[in-house]
Amino acid sequence: MKRYPAFDPPEYVDWRPDPEIVRAYRATIAADAERQRIVADLTADTKLELYRGLLRARLHDIQLKRWVRTGVISKAWLGTGEEAATVGPVHALQRGPGKDVVAPMIRNAAACSEMGMPIGAMLRAYLATADSPSGGRDLHVGSFADGVLQPISHVGDMVPVIAGIALTFKMKREPRVALTWVGDGATKTAAAHEGTNFAAVQRIPAIFIVQNNQVALGTRLTQHHVPDSFAEWAASYGIRGATFDGNNVLDAYAATAIAAERCRRGDGPAVLIAETFRMGGHATHDEAEARDTFPATLFAQWGKRDPIGQYEEYLEEDGVSIRRISELEDEVSTAVEAAAADALASRERMPEGPAALHGVYDDLGGKIWRVTYDR
C-alpha cells in the first residue's frame, strides 16, 4: 500500500518484504493442521475482504493522525501495527443483526467498521458532532445494532460485560458468541480477572483476546508480568487457550474461527493470545515517550512485520495481481477520504444544549427519555 511519511511509523515508510519473514508468514499457518485447513477453505473473496479490512483500519488511523497534525482534534488513539489482531478475529465471527457481539478497546476501532458501522460514523465520533453515534457525548464509538458495544476508558472492564452478554446467549440457547479484547496491562485488573473466572465457571460462549502489544501505557511487559508470555494464562482458569500471530491476519482469523465454533457447540469460553507490537505511543501525544520506552532495534524488528505489507506478499504469492491489489487500495482510500470530508462538513451540526437530555434513561418529572441515536 501507499506509505505516508508524515503519518506512518518511520519503519513503514520504506517497507520492503524480508524473504525470511515472508516464508515464516506461511509457515505459521502451516504449523497447525486445523488452522491450515480453515485458511485453505477461505474463498478468494473472503481473502480480499480481509485485505480491505486491514486497509480501512490503517487509513482510518492515518486520517485521525492527519486531523491531529492539522489541529482538527487534539489527540487520537491508534492501532497502527496491530490491525490484524482486530480484523482477523472479527471476520471469523458471524456478523449482522442478531448475530455475534464484540466489545473493542479504543485501539480496536477497526472492529466497528468490520462489524458494519460506516467509517464516517467512526470519524464523526472524534468530532463530537450532533450526528455522531453518541450525539456528541463521547468519542468512544459503538453501535449495538451492528453488534458493537461502545468501549470505555477503563480497559479490562468490558470483560465482565461481555461475560454477561455471553451468559444471556447460553440461557436463551442462542448459537451466538461474544468477544472482547483486553490489553496485556489490563489483565492485571480485578474486572478482567473476575470476568474471565466467571466465564470459565459458567462455561459461556465468550472469547477473550489478550492483545499483548508488549506495553501498558508506558510500562513494558517485563515490568508488570513475571512470565515471558501469556501462554499459560487460559490454563490458570481451566479453559481453552491458544496463541496466534497478531500481525498475521490469517492466523488471527483461523484461531478465532476455531474458538468460536467450540463456543457455539457449548464447549465454554476461550482465551486467545495475540502477540503483536504497538508501533507508536499510547496516543498521538506521546510518540516520543514510546520511542524512549523500547530500543530502536525492537521497532525495526516489528516494523519488518507490517501486517498489511506481509499480507500483500501473501496475496501476490496466492495469485492476486499487483494491479488488483492496487485497485482495492484505491477503492478503500476513496471511500475513507469521502467519509472524512463528510465528517468534517458535519461540524456545522454540533449538538445543542437540550440534546444532553436525549438518548439517556432518567426519571425527569415522571417522564422517561428514550431517544435513540441516529447515525
Foldseek 3Di string as FASTA:
>chain_A
DADDVVQAQPLQNPFDADVVVLVVLVVQQVVDVQLVVVLVPDDPVLLVVLLLLLLLQVVLRSLVVVCCVVVLAVWAAEQFFQSLLQSQLLSLFDAAAPAAAEEEDSHNVSSAVSLPHASLLLVLLRNLFCQRQVRNPHNFDADVRSRYDGYDPLFQQCLLVQLVVQVVCVVVLNLHAYEYEGELVSCPDPNNVVSLLSQLVSQGRYEYEHEYQQADQLHGNVRPPPDPFCQCVQVVSPAAEEEFASLRNSRSNSVSNVSSVCNSVRRTYYYYYHYTHRLAHSMPVPRVSNPVSDDPVVSNVSSSSRSNVSSVVVVVVVPDDPVNSVVSSVVSSVSSVVSSVVSVVSSVRHDDDVCVQACDADQDVNDGHHHHRHD
